[in-house]
C-alpha atoms as a PDB file:
ATOM      1  CA  MET A   1      17.215  15.857  15.245  1.00  0.00           C
ATOM      2  CA  PHE A   2      15.563  17.905  12.482  1.00  0.00           C
ATOM      3  CA  GLU A   3      12.052  17.943  13.904  1.00  0.00           C
ATOM      4  CA  ARG A   4      11.042  19.466  17.206  1.00  0.00           C
ATOM      5  CA  ARG A   5       8.538  16.719  18.030  1.00  0.00           C
ATOM      6  CA  ARG A   6       9.206  13.078  18.704  1.00  0.00           C
ATOM      7  CA  PRO A   7       8.136  10.558  16.038  1.00  0.00           C
ATOM      8  CA  ALA A   8       4.669   9.025  16.385  1.00  0.00           C
ATOM      9  CA  LEU A   9       6.252   5.631  17.035  1.00  0.00           C
ATOM     10  CA  VAL A  10       7.706   6.970  20.275  1.00  0.00           C
ATOM     11  CA  ASP A  11       4.380   8.460  21.400  1.00  0.00           C
ATOM     12  CA  ASN A  12       2.326   5.369  20.584  1.00  0.00           C
ATOM     13  CA  PRO A  13       4.164   2.038  20.215  1.00  0.00           C
ATOM     14  CA  ILE A  14       1.045   0.449  18.659  1.00  0.00           C
ATOM     15  CA  HIS A  15       2.022   2.269  15.440  1.00  0.00           C
ATOM     16  CA  LEU A  16       5.048  -0.047  15.312  1.00  0.00           C
ATOM     17  CA  LEU A  17       2.598  -2.901  14.656  1.00  0.00           C
ATOM     18  CA  LEU A  18       0.143  -1.063  12.433  1.00  0.00           C
ATOM     19  CA  GLY A  19       2.722   0.237   9.940  1.00  0.00           C
ATOM     20  CA  PRO A  20       4.037  -3.163   8.809  1.00  0.00           C
ATOM     21  CA  MET A  21       0.507  -4.605   8.785  1.00  0.00           C
ATOM     22  CA  PHE A  22      -0.654  -1.839   6.433  1.00  0.00           C
ATOM     23  CA  VAL A  23       2.359  -2.380   4.148  1.00  0.00           C
ATOM     24  CA  MET A  24       1.689  -6.136   4.020  1.00  0.00           C
ATOM     25  CA  ALA A  25      -1.989  -5.522   3.254  1.00  0.00           C
ATOM     26  CA  LYS A  26      -1.052  -3.227   0.350  1.00  0.00           C
ATOM     27  CA  LEU A  27       1.445  -5.833  -0.892  1.00  0.00           C
ATOM     28  CA  PHE A  28      -1.211  -8.575  -0.808  1.00  0.00           C
ATOM     29  CA  ILE A  29      -3.563  -6.317  -2.784  1.00  0.00           C
ATOM     30  CA  VAL A  30      -0.914  -5.573  -5.433  1.00  0.00           C
ATOM     31  CA  LEU A  31      -0.084  -9.276  -5.769  1.00  0.00           C
ATOM     32  CA  GLY A  32      -3.797 -10.109  -6.139  1.00  0.00           C
ATOM     33  CA  PHE A  33      -4.147 -12.272  -3.046  1.00  0.00           C
ATOM     34  CA  ARG A  34      -6.631 -10.136  -1.090  1.00  0.00           C
ATOM     35  CA  ARG A  35      -8.779  -7.958  -3.324  1.00  0.00           C
ATOM     36  CA  ASP A  36     -11.291  -7.652  -0.473  1.00  0.00           C
ATOM     37  CA  LEU A  37      -8.729  -5.608   1.486  1.00  0.00           C
ATOM     38  CA  ALA A  38      -8.606  -3.051  -1.329  1.00  0.00           C
ATOM     39  CA  VAL A  39     -12.247  -2.168  -0.684  1.00  0.00           C
ATOM     40  CA  ILE A  40     -11.573  -1.626   3.025  1.00  0.00           C
ATOM     41  CA  ILE A  41      -8.340   0.348   2.626  1.00  0.00           C
ATOM     42  CA  ASP A  42      -9.472   2.515  -0.289  1.00  0.00           C
ATOM     43  CA  GLU A  43     -12.789   3.577   1.273  1.00  0.00           C
ATOM     44  CA  ARG A  44     -13.325   7.326   1.310  1.00  0.00           C
ATOM     45  CA  PRO A  45     -14.945   9.175   4.215  1.00  0.00           C
ATOM     46  CA  GLN A  46     -18.582  10.169   3.606  1.00  0.00           C
ATOM     47  CA  GLY A  47     -17.817  13.884   3.363  1.00  0.00           C
ATOM     48  CA  HIS A  48     -14.883  13.448   0.944  1.00  0.00           C
ATOM     49  CA  LEU A  49     -15.186  15.451  -2.276  1.00  0.00           C
ATOM     50  CA  SER A  50     -13.919  13.753  -5.429  1.00  0.00           C
ATOM     51  CA  SER A  51     -11.471  15.576  -7.680  1.00  0.00           C
ATOM     52  CA  SER A  52     -13.257  14.597 -10.892  1.00  0.00           C
END
């Protein structure tokens, strides 16, 4: 309606599965169940410059 392009979920239905999985992973990290996921999700690309 407001955007000219279709949402990514329409272009690639796999995103319908990945979105909720990412949200659940972040929730598990916040609740302290899976601290190992925090390392995987919060990794920075090799060429990323830090803002410090």
